[in-house]
Amino acid sequence: MSKILYIQASPREKRSHCIAVADAFLESYRKDHPNDQVTLLNVFTSNLPVFDGLVVQAKYTILHGQQHSREELAAWKAVEAVIEGFKSADKYVFAVPMWNFGIPYRLKQYIDIIVQPTYTFSFSPAEGYKGLILGKRAFVAYARGGEYPEGTGAQNFDFQKPYLECALGFMGITDVRSVVVEPTLGGGPAVAAQKHDAAVAKAKEMAKSF
């Protein structure tokens, strides 16, 4: 039995194209893996630790083996709990909309929490940076209001897909499969519906080999 962590990065829920595609992916996946456990984490409704001054101070005092306060320890324990929740999964499913050419701020907060030295990556002068989450795979459903196809120049404004794949790869998750729904706004409702349906069909097919 595998553990799937399903990370939703949209507050729109049932009105979200990326969540609809990710839901369809999981529905298809469950047909072949009925005993796998799926844990849902919506970054907008989850109580994520705020990466503020206390947490930053806790990070450097604790990771550097320095004297730390009780408050710093408690703050860092909350970060460690989120990291452990992420690392404990065997596979990952993401639903990610594009906001202002990038990812929603709450997903960025989540990534800032989990990308930590000695937990999800390591560094040494001899080897440089190495991801520590190995042998795992991810599926990402992306949604964008506009279109950003390669070779048009528009891809230069896409800081959504490249950033997330970079962050996952930095942690060692290099087997990343994805489906993109675009445009959800730029072409009007009829085009959006057509692109939505095509993405759902593609996601269902991709789930069979996940």
N, C-alpha and C. Protein backbone atom coordinates (compact mmCIF):
# COMPACT_ATOMS: atom_id res chain seq x y z
N MET A 1 0.84 -1.20 0.00
CA MET A 1 0.00 0.00 0.00
C MET A 1 0.87 1.25 0.00
N SER A 2 0.57 2.17 -0.89
CA SER A 2 1.31 3.42 -0.97
C SER A 2 0.53 4.55 -0.32
N LYS A 3 1.26 5.55 0.14
CA LYS A 3 0.65 6.75 0.72
C LYS A 3 0.77 7.89 -0.28
N ILE A 4 -0.38 8.46 -0.64
CA ILE A 4 -0.42 9.57 -1.59
C ILE A 4 -0.72 10.86 -0.84
N LEU A 5 0.10 11.86 -1.03
CA LEU A 5 -0.18 13.18 -0.47
C LEU A 5 -0.72 14.05 -1.60
N TYR A 6 -1.96 14.48 -1.45
CA TYR A 6 -2.65 15.29 -2.45
C TYR A 6 -2.65 16.74 -1.99
N ILE A 7 -1.85 17.57 -2.64
CA ILE A 7 -1.67 18.95 -2.23
C ILE A 7 -2.45 19.86 -3.17
N GLN A 8 -3.48 20.49 -2.64
CA GLN A 8 -4.27 21.44 -3.40
C GLN A 8 -3.78 22.85 -3.10
N ALA A 9 -3.52 23.61 -4.16
CA ALA A 9 -3.00 24.98 -3.97
C ALA A 9 -3.99 26.01 -4.49
N SER A 10 -5.27 25.68 -4.47
CA SER A 10 -6.30 26.61 -4.91
C SER A 10 -7.39 26.74 -3.86
N PRO A 11 -7.84 27.96 -3.57
CA PRO A 11 -8.95 28.15 -2.64
C PRO A 11 -10.31 28.03 -3.32
N ARG A 12 -10.31 27.82 -4.65
CA ARG A 12 -11.57 27.81 -5.40
C ARG A 12 -12.30 26.47 -5.32
N GLU A 13 -11.60 25.44 -4.90
CA GLU A 13 -12.17 24.12 -4.68
C GLU A 13 -12.97 23.63 -5.88
N LYS A 14 -14.28 23.53 -5.80
CA LYS A 14 -15.08 22.95 -6.88
C LYS A 14 -15.09 23.80 -8.15
N ARG A 15 -14.67 25.03 -8.09
CA ARG A 15 -14.61 25.88 -9.27
C ARG A 15 -13.20 25.88 -9.89
N SER A 16 -12.32 25.08 -9.34
CA SER A 16 -10.93 25.07 -9.78
C SER A 16 -10.70 24.04 -10.88
N HIS A 17 -10.14 24.48 -11.99
CA HIS A 17 -9.81 23.56 -13.08
C HIS A 17 -8.72 22.58 -12.66
N CYS A 18 -7.68 23.07 -11.98
CA CYS A 18 -6.58 22.18 -11.63
C CYS A 18 -7.01 21.12 -10.61
N ILE A 19 -7.89 21.49 -9.67
CA ILE A 19 -8.39 20.50 -8.71
C ILE A 19 -9.26 19.48 -9.42
N ALA A 20 -10.08 19.91 -10.37
CA ALA A 20 -10.92 18.97 -11.12
C ALA A 20 -10.07 17.95 -11.87
N VAL A 21 -8.97 18.41 -12.47
CA VAL A 21 -8.08 17.50 -13.20
C VAL A 21 -7.37 16.55 -12.23
N ALA A 22 -6.88 17.08 -11.12
CA ALA A 22 -6.21 16.24 -10.13
C ALA A 22 -7.18 15.23 -9.51
N ASP A 23 -8.41 15.65 -9.27
CA ASP A 23 -9.43 14.73 -8.75
C ASP A 23 -9.69 13.59 -9.73
N ALA A 24 -9.77 13.93 -11.02
CA ALA A 24 -9.99 12.91 -12.05
C ALA A 24 -8.82 11.94 -12.11
N PHE A 25 -7.61 12.48 -11.96
CA PHE A 25 -6.41 11.63 -11.93
C PHE A 25 -6.50 10.63 -10.79
N LEU A 26 -6.85 11.10 -9.60
CA LEU A 26 -6.92 10.23 -8.43
C LEU A 26 -8.07 9.23 -8.55
N GLU A 27 -9.19 9.65 -9.12
CA GLU A 27 -10.31 8.74 -9.32
C GLU A 27 -9.90 7.56 -10.20
N SER A 28 -9.18 7.86 -11.27
CA SER A 28 -8.68 6.81 -12.14
C SER A 28 -7.62 5.96 -11.44
N TYR A 29 -6.74 6.62 -10.70
CA TYR A 29 -5.67 5.92 -9.99
C TYR A 29 -6.22 4.92 -8.98
N ARG A 30 -7.27 5.30 -8.27
CA ARG A 30 -7.84 4.44 -7.23
C ARG A 30 -8.43 3.15 -7.79
N LYS A 31 -8.82 3.14 -9.04
CA LYS A 31 -9.38 1.93 -9.65
C LYS A 31 -8.35 0.81 -9.68
N ASP A 32 -7.09 1.16 -9.87
CA ASP A 32 -6.02 0.17 -9.91
C ASP A 32 -5.30 0.02 -8.57
N HIS A 33 -5.52 0.99 -7.67
CA HIS A 33 -4.85 0.96 -6.36
C HIS A 33 -5.86 1.26 -5.26
N PRO A 34 -6.87 0.40 -5.10
CA PRO A 34 -7.95 0.70 -4.16
C PRO A 34 -7.51 0.77 -2.69
N ASN A 35 -6.39 0.18 -2.38
CA ASN A 35 -5.95 0.14 -0.97
C ASN A 35 -4.96 1.25 -0.62
N ASP A 36 -4.57 2.04 -1.61
CA ASP A 36 -3.65 3.13 -1.31
C ASP A 36 -4.35 4.22 -0.50
N GLN A 37 -3.59 4.84 0.36
CA GLN A 37 -4.13 5.87 1.26
C GLN A 37 -3.84 7.26 0.70
N VAL A 38 -4.88 8.07 0.56
CA VAL A 38 -4.74 9.43 0.05
C VAL A 38 -5.00 10.43 1.17
N THR A 39 -4.04 11.31 1.41
CA THR A 39 -4.17 12.36 2.42
C THR A 39 -4.27 13.70 1.71
N LEU A 40 -5.32 14.44 1.99
CA LEU A 40 -5.54 15.74 1.35
C LEU A 40 -4.96 16.86 2.20
N LEU A 41 -4.21 17.75 1.55
CA LEU A 41 -3.69 18.95 2.20
C LEU A 41 -3.96 20.13 1.29
N ASN A 42 -4.92 20.96 1.67
CA ASN A 42 -5.15 22.20 0.94
C ASN A 42 -4.39 23.30 1.68
N VAL A 43 -3.45 23.93 1.01
CA VAL A 43 -2.57 24.88 1.68
C VAL A 43 -3.32 26.13 2.15
N PHE A 44 -4.52 26.36 1.62
CA PHE A 44 -5.30 27.53 2.04
C PHE A 44 -6.12 27.26 3.29
N THR A 45 -6.42 26.02 3.57
CA THR A 45 -7.21 25.70 4.76
C THR A 45 -6.38 25.05 5.86
N SER A 46 -5.16 24.63 5.53
CA SER A 46 -4.29 24.02 6.54
C SER A 46 -3.63 25.09 7.39
N ASN A 47 -3.37 24.75 8.62
CA ASN A 47 -2.74 25.68 9.56
C ASN A 47 -1.22 25.57 9.43
N LEU A 48 -0.68 26.14 8.37
CA LEU A 48 0.76 26.07 8.14
C LEU A 48 1.50 27.04 9.06
N PRO A 49 2.65 26.65 9.56
CA PRO A 49 3.44 27.58 10.37
C PRO A 49 3.84 28.81 9.56
N VAL A 50 3.77 29.95 10.18
CA VAL A 50 4.24 31.17 9.54
C VAL A 50 5.76 31.21 9.62
N PHE A 51 6.42 31.38 8.48
CA PHE A 51 7.89 31.39 8.50
C PHE A 51 8.36 32.80 8.82
N ASP A 52 8.21 33.15 10.10
CA ASP A 52 8.52 34.52 10.54
C ASP A 52 9.86 34.57 11.25
N GLY A 53 10.08 35.67 11.95
CA GLY A 53 11.37 35.87 12.60
C GLY A 53 11.71 34.80 13.62
N LEU A 54 10.70 34.35 14.38
CA LEU A 54 10.94 33.33 15.40
C LEU A 54 11.38 32.02 14.75
N VAL A 55 10.70 31.62 13.68
CA VAL A 55 11.04 30.37 13.02
C VAL A 55 12.42 30.45 12.37
N VAL A 56 12.72 31.57 11.73
CA VAL A 56 14.04 31.75 11.12
C VAL A 56 15.13 31.67 12.18
N GLN A 57 14.90 32.34 13.31
CA GLN A 57 15.88 32.30 14.40
C GLN A 57 16.02 30.87 14.94
N ALA A 58 14.89 30.18 15.08
CA ALA A 58 14.92 28.79 15.56
C ALA A 58 15.71 27.91 14.61
N LYS A 59 15.51 28.11 13.31
CA LYS A 59 16.21 27.31 12.32
C LYS A 59 17.73 27.41 12.49
N TYR A 60 18.22 28.62 12.61
CA TYR A 60 19.67 28.79 12.65
C TYR A 60 20.27 28.40 14.00
N THR A 61 19.55 28.62 15.08
CA THR A 61 20.10 28.20 16.37
C THR A 61 20.08 26.68 16.52
N ILE A 62 18.99 26.05 16.12
CA ILE A 62 18.87 24.61 16.31
C ILE A 62 19.73 23.84 15.31
N LEU A 63 19.67 24.19 14.02
CA LEU A 63 20.45 23.46 13.03
C LEU A 63 21.95 23.66 13.20
N HIS A 64 22.33 24.78 13.83
CA HIS A 64 23.75 25.02 14.07
C HIS A 64 24.19 24.56 15.46
N GLY A 65 23.28 23.90 16.17
CA GLY A 65 23.63 23.34 17.47
C GLY A 65 23.85 24.38 18.56
N GLN A 66 23.24 25.54 18.42
CA GLN A 66 23.41 26.60 19.40
C GLN A 66 22.32 26.53 20.47
N GLN A 67 22.53 27.26 21.53
CA GLN A 67 21.55 27.32 22.60
C GLN A 67 20.26 27.96 22.08
N HIS A 68 19.13 27.33 22.35
CA HIS A 68 17.86 27.85 21.85
C HIS A 68 16.84 27.90 22.98
N SER A 69 15.86 28.73 22.78
CA SER A 69 14.82 28.89 23.79
C SER A 69 13.72 27.85 23.61
N ARG A 70 12.85 27.76 24.61
CA ARG A 70 11.72 26.85 24.54
C ARG A 70 10.78 27.25 23.41
N GLU A 71 10.63 28.55 23.21
CA GLU A 71 9.76 29.04 22.14
C GLU A 71 10.33 28.70 20.75
N GLU A 72 11.64 28.81 20.62
CA GLU A 72 12.28 28.46 19.35
C GLU A 72 12.12 26.97 19.05
N LEU A 73 12.29 26.15 20.06
CA LEU A 73 12.15 24.71 19.87
C LEU A 73 10.72 24.35 19.44
N ALA A 74 9.74 24.96 20.08
CA ALA A 74 8.35 24.69 19.73
C ALA A 74 8.05 25.13 18.30
N ALA A 75 8.59 26.29 17.92
CA ALA A 75 8.38 26.80 16.56
C ALA A 75 9.00 25.87 15.53
N TRP A 76 10.19 25.36 15.82
CA TRP A 76 10.85 24.48 14.86
C TRP A 76 10.19 23.11 14.82
N LYS A 77 9.66 22.65 15.93
CA LYS A 77 8.94 21.37 15.95
C LYS A 77 7.73 21.43 15.02
N ALA A 78 7.07 22.58 14.96
CA ALA A 78 5.92 22.73 14.07
C ALA A 78 6.36 22.62 12.61
N VAL A 79 7.52 23.18 12.28
CA VAL A 79 8.07 23.06 10.94
C VAL A 79 8.42 21.60 10.64
N GLU A 80 9.05 20.94 11.59
CA GLU A 80 9.44 19.55 11.40
C GLU A 80 8.23 18.65 11.16
N ALA A 81 7.11 18.97 11.79
CA ALA A 81 5.90 18.16 11.62
C ALA A 81 5.40 18.25 10.18
N VAL A 82 5.46 19.44 9.59
CA VAL A 82 5.04 19.61 8.20
C VAL A 82 5.99 18.87 7.27
N ILE A 83 7.28 18.97 7.54
CA ILE A 83 8.27 18.28 6.72
C ILE A 83 8.06 16.78 6.78
N GLU A 84 7.84 16.25 7.97
CA GLU A 84 7.63 14.82 8.12
C GLU A 84 6.37 14.37 7.40
N GLY A 85 5.31 15.19 7.43
CA GLY A 85 4.10 14.87 6.70
C GLY A 85 4.36 14.75 5.21
N PHE A 86 5.22 15.61 4.69
CA PHE A 86 5.57 15.56 3.28
C PHE A 86 6.44 14.34 2.97
N LYS A 87 7.46 14.12 3.76
CA LYS A 87 8.40 13.04 3.50
C LYS A 87 7.78 11.66 3.66
N SER A 88 6.75 11.56 4.48
CA SER A 88 6.16 10.24 4.75
C SER A 88 5.36 9.70 3.57
N ALA A 89 5.06 10.53 2.59
CA ALA A 89 4.31 10.08 1.42
C ALA A 89 5.21 9.32 0.46
N ASP A 90 4.60 8.41 -0.29
CA ASP A 90 5.32 7.67 -1.32
C ASP A 90 5.17 8.33 -2.69
N LYS A 91 4.02 8.97 -2.90
CA LYS A 91 3.74 9.65 -4.16
C LYS A 91 3.03 10.96 -3.86
N TYR A 92 3.10 11.89 -4.82
CA TYR A 92 2.52 13.22 -4.62
C TYR A 92 1.63 13.60 -5.80
N VAL A 93 0.51 14.22 -5.47
CA VAL A 93 -0.38 14.79 -6.48
C VAL A 93 -0.59 16.25 -6.12
N PHE A 94 -0.37 17.14 -7.09
CA PHE A 94 -0.53 18.58 -6.86
C PHE A 94 -1.60 19.13 -7.79
N ALA A 95 -2.36 20.09 -7.28
CA ALA A 95 -3.28 20.88 -8.10
C ALA A 95 -2.85 22.33 -7.93
N VAL A 96 -2.34 22.94 -9.02
CA VAL A 96 -1.67 24.24 -8.90
C VAL A 96 -2.18 25.21 -9.97
N PRO A 97 -2.85 26.28 -9.56
CA PRO A 97 -3.22 27.32 -10.51
C PRO A 97 -2.07 28.32 -10.68
N MET A 98 -2.11 29.05 -11.77
CA MET A 98 -1.14 30.13 -11.96
C MET A 98 -1.70 31.42 -11.39
N TRP A 99 -0.93 32.08 -10.56
CA TRP A 99 -1.28 33.39 -10.02
C TRP A 99 -0.16 34.36 -10.40
N ASN A 100 -0.50 35.38 -11.17
CA ASN A 100 0.50 36.40 -11.54
C ASN A 100 1.77 35.77 -12.08
N PHE A 101 1.61 34.81 -12.99
CA PHE A 101 2.68 34.11 -13.69
C PHE A 101 3.42 33.09 -12.83
N GLY A 102 3.08 32.99 -11.54
CA GLY A 102 3.77 32.06 -10.66
C GLY A 102 2.79 31.17 -9.91
N ILE A 103 3.18 30.73 -8.73
CA ILE A 103 2.34 29.86 -7.92
C ILE A 103 1.68 30.67 -6.81
N PRO A 104 0.56 30.21 -6.26
CA PRO A 104 -0.08 30.92 -5.15
C PRO A 104 0.85 31.04 -3.94
N TYR A 105 0.70 32.13 -3.23
CA TYR A 105 1.62 32.42 -2.13
C TYR A 105 1.59 31.37 -1.03
N ARG A 106 0.45 30.72 -0.84
CA ARG A 106 0.37 29.70 0.21
C ARG A 106 1.15 28.44 -0.18
N LEU A 107 1.21 28.12 -1.45
CA LEU A 107 2.05 27.00 -1.88
C LEU A 107 3.51 27.37 -1.72
N LYS A 108 3.86 28.62 -2.02
CA LYS A 108 5.24 29.06 -1.80
C LYS A 108 5.61 28.97 -0.33
N GLN A 109 4.68 29.32 0.55
CA GLN A 109 4.92 29.19 1.98
C GLN A 109 5.18 27.74 2.36
N TYR A 110 4.38 26.85 1.81
CA TYR A 110 4.55 25.42 2.09
C TYR A 110 5.92 24.94 1.63
N ILE A 111 6.32 25.34 0.43
CA ILE A 111 7.63 24.95 -0.09
C ILE A 111 8.75 25.52 0.77
N ASP A 112 8.60 26.76 1.22
CA ASP A 112 9.61 27.37 2.08
C ASP A 112 9.74 26.61 3.40
N ILE A 113 8.66 25.98 3.84
CA ILE A 113 8.70 25.21 5.08
C ILE A 113 9.43 23.89 4.87
N ILE A 114 9.13 23.19 3.78
CA ILE A 114 9.64 21.83 3.63
C ILE A 114 11.04 21.75 3.02
N VAL A 115 11.46 22.77 2.29
CA VAL A 115 12.81 22.72 1.69
C VAL A 115 13.82 23.19 2.73
N GLN A 116 14.35 22.25 3.48
CA GLN A 116 15.26 22.56 4.58
C GLN A 116 16.47 21.62 4.55
N PRO A 117 17.67 22.16 4.85
CA PRO A 117 18.87 21.33 4.85
C PRO A 117 18.80 20.24 5.92
N THR A 118 19.33 19.10 5.56
CA THR A 118 19.38 17.86 6.35
C THR A 118 18.03 17.14 6.40
N TYR A 119 16.96 17.79 5.98
CA TYR A 119 15.63 17.17 5.97
C TYR A 119 15.24 16.73 4.56
N THR A 120 15.33 17.65 3.61
CA THR A 120 14.93 17.32 2.23
C THR A 120 16.07 17.53 1.23
N PHE A 121 17.16 18.12 1.66
CA PHE A 121 18.35 18.22 0.81
C PHE A 121 19.58 18.34 1.69
N SER A 122 20.73 18.06 1.08
CA SER A 122 22.00 18.16 1.80
C SER A 122 22.98 18.96 0.95
N PHE A 123 24.06 19.38 1.58
CA PHE A 123 25.12 20.09 0.87
C PHE A 123 26.47 19.68 1.43
N SER A 124 27.41 19.47 0.54
CA SER A 124 28.81 19.26 0.94
C SER A 124 29.69 19.89 -0.13
N PRO A 125 30.86 20.38 0.24
CA PRO A 125 31.76 20.97 -0.76
C PRO A 125 32.11 20.00 -1.87
N ALA A 126 32.18 18.72 -1.53
CA ALA A 126 32.58 17.72 -2.52
C ALA A 126 31.46 17.41 -3.51
N GLU A 127 30.22 17.32 -3.02
CA GLU A 127 29.10 16.89 -3.86
C GLU A 127 28.12 18.01 -4.21
N GLY A 128 28.25 19.14 -3.53
CA GLY A 128 27.29 20.21 -3.75
C GLY A 128 25.94 19.87 -3.13
N TYR A 129 24.86 20.35 -3.75
CA TYR A 129 23.52 20.10 -3.24
C TYR A 129 23.02 18.74 -3.72
N LYS A 130 22.37 17.99 -2.83
CA LYS A 130 21.80 16.70 -3.18
C LYS A 130 20.40 16.60 -2.56
N GLY A 131 19.43 16.18 -3.37
CA GLY A 131 18.10 15.94 -2.84
C GLY A 131 18.07 14.68 -1.99
N LEU A 132 17.26 14.69 -0.96
CA LEU A 132 17.19 13.56 -0.04
C LEU A 132 15.89 12.77 -0.16
N ILE A 133 14.95 13.26 -0.99
CA ILE A 133 13.70 12.52 -1.19
C ILE A 133 13.81 11.81 -2.53
N LEU A 134 14.21 10.55 -2.46
CA LEU A 134 14.55 9.81 -3.67
C LEU A 134 13.56 8.67 -3.92
N GLY A 135 13.46 8.27 -5.17
CA GLY A 135 12.63 7.14 -5.54
C GLY A 135 11.14 7.41 -5.48
N LYS A 136 10.75 8.68 -5.51
CA LYS A 136 9.33 9.03 -5.43
C LYS A 136 8.93 9.79 -6.70
N ARG A 137 7.63 9.84 -6.94
CA ARG A 137 7.15 10.50 -8.15
C ARG A 137 6.01 11.44 -7.82
N ALA A 138 5.75 12.35 -8.75
CA ALA A 138 4.70 13.35 -8.54
C ALA A 138 3.90 13.55 -9.83
N PHE A 139 2.64 13.87 -9.65
CA PHE A 139 1.78 14.31 -10.76
C PHE A 139 1.28 15.70 -10.41
N VAL A 140 1.33 16.60 -11.40
CA VAL A 140 0.89 17.98 -11.18
C VAL A 140 -0.14 18.37 -12.22
N ALA A 141 -1.28 18.86 -11.77
CA ALA A 141 -2.28 19.45 -12.65
C ALA A 141 -2.14 20.96 -12.54
N TYR A 142 -1.76 21.60 -13.65
CA TYR A 142 -1.60 23.05 -13.71
C TYR A 142 -2.79 23.66 -14.44
N ALA A 143 -3.18 24.87 -14.03
CA ALA A 143 -4.22 25.62 -14.74
C ALA A 143 -3.74 27.05 -14.90
N ARG A 144 -4.00 27.61 -16.10
CA ARG A 144 -3.61 29.00 -16.38
C ARG A 144 -4.73 29.69 -17.14
N GLY A 145 -4.95 30.95 -16.84
CA GLY A 145 -5.95 31.72 -17.56
C GLY A 145 -5.57 31.99 -18.99
N GLY A 146 -4.26 32.16 -19.24
CA GLY A 146 -3.75 32.40 -20.58
C GLY A 146 -3.03 31.18 -21.11
N GLU A 147 -2.30 31.36 -22.21
CA GLU A 147 -1.53 30.28 -22.82
C GLU A 147 -0.05 30.66 -22.86
N TYR A 148 0.81 29.67 -22.62
CA TYR A 148 2.25 29.92 -22.56
C TYR A 148 3.01 28.84 -23.33
N PRO A 149 2.69 28.64 -24.61
CA PRO A 149 3.33 27.56 -25.38
C PRO A 149 4.79 27.87 -25.69
N GLU A 150 5.59 26.80 -25.77
CA GLU A 150 7.00 26.93 -26.12
C GLU A 150 7.14 27.51 -27.52
N GLY A 151 8.17 28.31 -27.71
CA GLY A 151 8.48 28.84 -29.02
C GLY A 151 7.72 30.09 -29.40
N THR A 152 6.89 30.60 -28.50
CA THR A 152 6.10 31.79 -28.83
C THR A 152 6.58 33.03 -28.11
N GLY A 153 7.48 32.86 -27.16
CA GLY A 153 7.90 33.97 -26.31
C GLY A 153 7.07 34.06 -25.04
N ALA A 154 5.84 33.55 -25.11
CA ALA A 154 4.97 33.60 -23.93
C ALA A 154 5.50 32.71 -22.81
N GLN A 155 6.26 31.67 -23.17
CA GLN A 155 6.78 30.77 -22.15
C GLN A 155 7.72 31.48 -21.18
N ASN A 156 8.24 32.63 -21.59
CA ASN A 156 9.13 33.39 -20.71
C ASN A 156 8.40 33.96 -19.50
N PHE A 157 7.08 33.99 -19.55
CA PHE A 157 6.28 34.49 -18.42
C PHE A 157 5.79 33.38 -17.51
N ASP A 158 6.14 32.15 -17.84
CA ASP A 158 5.69 31.00 -17.04
C ASP A 158 6.69 30.74 -15.92
N PHE A 159 6.37 31.22 -14.73
CA PHE A 159 7.18 30.95 -13.53
C PHE A 159 6.45 29.98 -12.61
N GLN A 160 5.43 29.34 -13.12
CA GLN A 160 4.62 28.39 -12.37
C GLN A 160 5.21 26.98 -12.47
N LYS A 161 5.14 26.40 -13.64
CA LYS A 161 5.60 25.03 -13.86
C LYS A 161 7.11 24.89 -13.67
N PRO A 162 7.94 25.77 -14.26
CA PRO A 162 9.39 25.61 -14.05
C PRO A 162 9.80 25.72 -12.58
N TYR A 163 9.15 26.64 -11.84
CA TYR A 163 9.54 26.80 -10.43
C TYR A 163 9.22 25.55 -9.63
N LEU A 164 7.99 25.03 -9.78
CA LEU A 164 7.60 23.87 -8.98
C LEU A 164 8.46 22.67 -9.32
N GLU A 165 8.73 22.46 -10.61
CA GLU A 165 9.56 21.32 -10.99
C GLU A 165 10.99 21.49 -10.49
N CYS A 166 11.47 22.74 -10.44
CA CYS A 166 12.79 23.01 -9.88
C CYS A 166 12.82 22.68 -8.39
N ALA A 167 11.81 23.12 -7.65
CA ALA A 167 11.75 22.86 -6.21
C ALA A 167 11.66 21.38 -5.91
N LEU A 168 10.82 20.66 -6.66
CA LEU A 168 10.70 19.22 -6.46
C LEU A 168 12.01 18.51 -6.81
N GLY A 169 12.61 18.89 -7.93
CA GLY A 169 13.87 18.28 -8.33
C GLY A 169 15.00 18.55 -7.36
N PHE A 170 14.99 19.74 -6.77
CA PHE A 170 16.01 20.09 -5.78
C PHE A 170 15.94 19.15 -4.58
N MET A 171 14.73 18.70 -4.24
CA MET A 171 14.55 17.76 -3.12
C MET A 171 14.75 16.31 -3.55
N GLY A 172 14.97 16.08 -4.84
CA GLY A 172 15.22 14.72 -5.32
C GLY A 172 14.07 14.08 -6.07
N ILE A 173 12.95 14.80 -6.20
CA ILE A 173 11.79 14.25 -6.90
C ILE A 173 11.87 14.68 -8.36
N THR A 174 12.44 13.82 -9.18
CA THR A 174 12.67 14.17 -10.58
C THR A 174 11.67 13.50 -11.53
N ASP A 175 10.96 12.50 -11.04
CA ASP A 175 9.92 11.85 -11.85
C ASP A 175 8.62 12.63 -11.66
N VAL A 176 8.45 13.67 -12.46
CA VAL A 176 7.30 14.56 -12.33
C VAL A 176 6.52 14.53 -13.64
N ARG A 177 5.25 14.10 -13.56
CA ARG A 177 4.38 14.07 -14.74
C ARG A 177 3.35 15.18 -14.58
N SER A 178 2.89 15.76 -15.68
CA SER A 178 1.99 16.90 -15.53
C SER A 178 1.00 17.00 -16.68
N VAL A 179 -0.10 17.68 -16.38
CA VAL A 179 -1.12 18.05 -17.36
C VAL A 179 -1.40 19.53 -17.15
N VAL A 180 -1.48 20.27 -18.26
CA VAL A 180 -1.72 21.71 -18.18
C VAL A 180 -3.07 22.04 -18.82
N VAL A 181 -3.91 22.78 -18.09
CA VAL A 181 -5.17 23.28 -18.64
C VAL A 181 -4.96 24.75 -18.98
N GLU A 182 -4.99 25.07 -20.28
CA GLU A 182 -4.83 26.45 -20.72
C GLU A 182 -5.43 26.63 -22.11
N PRO A 183 -6.07 27.78 -22.38
CA PRO A 183 -6.40 28.88 -21.45
C PRO A 183 -7.76 28.63 -20.80
N THR A 184 -7.86 28.96 -19.54
CA THR A 184 -9.14 28.82 -18.84
C THR A 184 -9.96 30.11 -18.91
N LEU A 185 -9.32 31.20 -19.34
CA LEU A 185 -10.03 32.49 -19.46
C LEU A 185 -9.85 33.12 -20.84
N GLY A 186 -8.65 33.08 -21.37
CA GLY A 186 -8.32 33.82 -22.58
C GLY A 186 -9.11 33.46 -23.81
N GLY A 187 -9.59 32.22 -23.89
CA GLY A 187 -10.32 31.81 -25.08
C GLY A 187 -11.82 31.80 -24.94
N GLY A 188 -12.32 32.17 -23.76
CA GLY A 188 -13.75 32.14 -23.53
C GLY A 188 -14.21 30.82 -22.93
N PRO A 189 -15.48 30.76 -22.49
CA PRO A 189 -16.01 29.57 -21.80
C PRO A 189 -15.97 28.30 -22.64
N ALA A 190 -16.28 28.38 -23.92
CA ALA A 190 -16.32 27.19 -24.76
C ALA A 190 -14.93 26.56 -24.89
N VAL A 191 -13.93 27.38 -25.11
CA VAL A 191 -12.55 26.89 -25.22
C VAL A 191 -12.10 26.32 -23.87
N ALA A 192 -12.44 27.01 -22.79
CA ALA A 192 -12.06 26.53 -21.46
C ALA A 192 -12.65 25.15 -21.18
N ALA A 193 -13.92 24.95 -21.54
CA ALA A 193 -14.57 23.66 -21.33
C ALA A 193 -13.90 22.57 -22.15
N GLN A 194 -13.53 22.90 -23.38
CA GLN A 194 -12.86 21.93 -24.25
C GLN A 194 -11.49 21.54 -23.69
N LYS A 195 -10.73 22.53 -23.27
CA LYS A 195 -9.40 22.28 -22.71
C LYS A 195 -9.50 21.50 -21.39
N HIS A 196 -10.51 21.84 -20.61
CA HIS A 196 -10.76 21.15 -19.33
C HIS A 196 -11.01 19.67 -19.58
N ASP A 197 -11.92 19.37 -20.49
CA ASP A 197 -12.27 17.97 -20.77
C ASP A 197 -11.08 17.20 -21.32
N ALA A 198 -10.29 17.83 -22.18
CA ALA A 198 -9.11 17.17 -22.73
C ALA A 198 -8.09 16.87 -21.65
N ALA A 199 -7.91 17.81 -20.72
CA ALA A 199 -6.96 17.60 -19.63
C ALA A 199 -7.42 16.50 -18.69
N VAL A 200 -8.72 16.44 -18.41
CA VAL A 200 -9.27 15.38 -17.56
C VAL A 200 -9.03 14.01 -18.19
N ALA A 201 -9.30 13.89 -19.48
CA ALA A 201 -9.09 12.62 -20.18
C ALA A 201 -7.64 12.22 -20.15
N LYS A 202 -6.74 13.17 -20.38
CA LYS A 202 -5.31 12.87 -20.37
C LYS A 202 -4.85 12.46 -18.97
N ALA A 203 -5.34 13.14 -17.95
CA ALA A 203 -4.97 12.82 -16.57
C ALA A 203 -5.41 11.41 -16.20
N LYS A 204 -6.62 11.03 -16.59
CA LYS A 204 -7.13 9.69 -16.28
C LYS A 204 -6.25 8.63 -16.93
N GLU A 205 -5.79 8.89 -18.13
CA GLU A 205 -4.94 7.92 -18.82
C GLU A 205 -3.57 7.84 -18.15
N MET A 206 -3.03 8.97 -17.76
CA MET A 206 -1.71 9.01 -17.12
C MET A 206 -1.72 8.31 -15.77
N ALA A 207 -2.86 8.32 -15.10
CA ALA A 207 -2.95 7.70 -13.77
C ALA A 207 -2.71 6.19 -13.82
N LYS A 208 -2.97 5.59 -14.97
CA LYS A 208 -2.84 4.14 -15.08
C LYS A 208 -1.40 3.66 -14.95
N SER A 209 -0.45 4.53 -15.19
CA SER A 209 0.96 4.15 -15.08
C SER A 209 1.67 4.85 -13.94
N PHE A 210 0.89 5.41 -13.03
CA PHE A 210 1.45 6.15 -11.90
C PHE A 210 1.63 5.24 -10.69
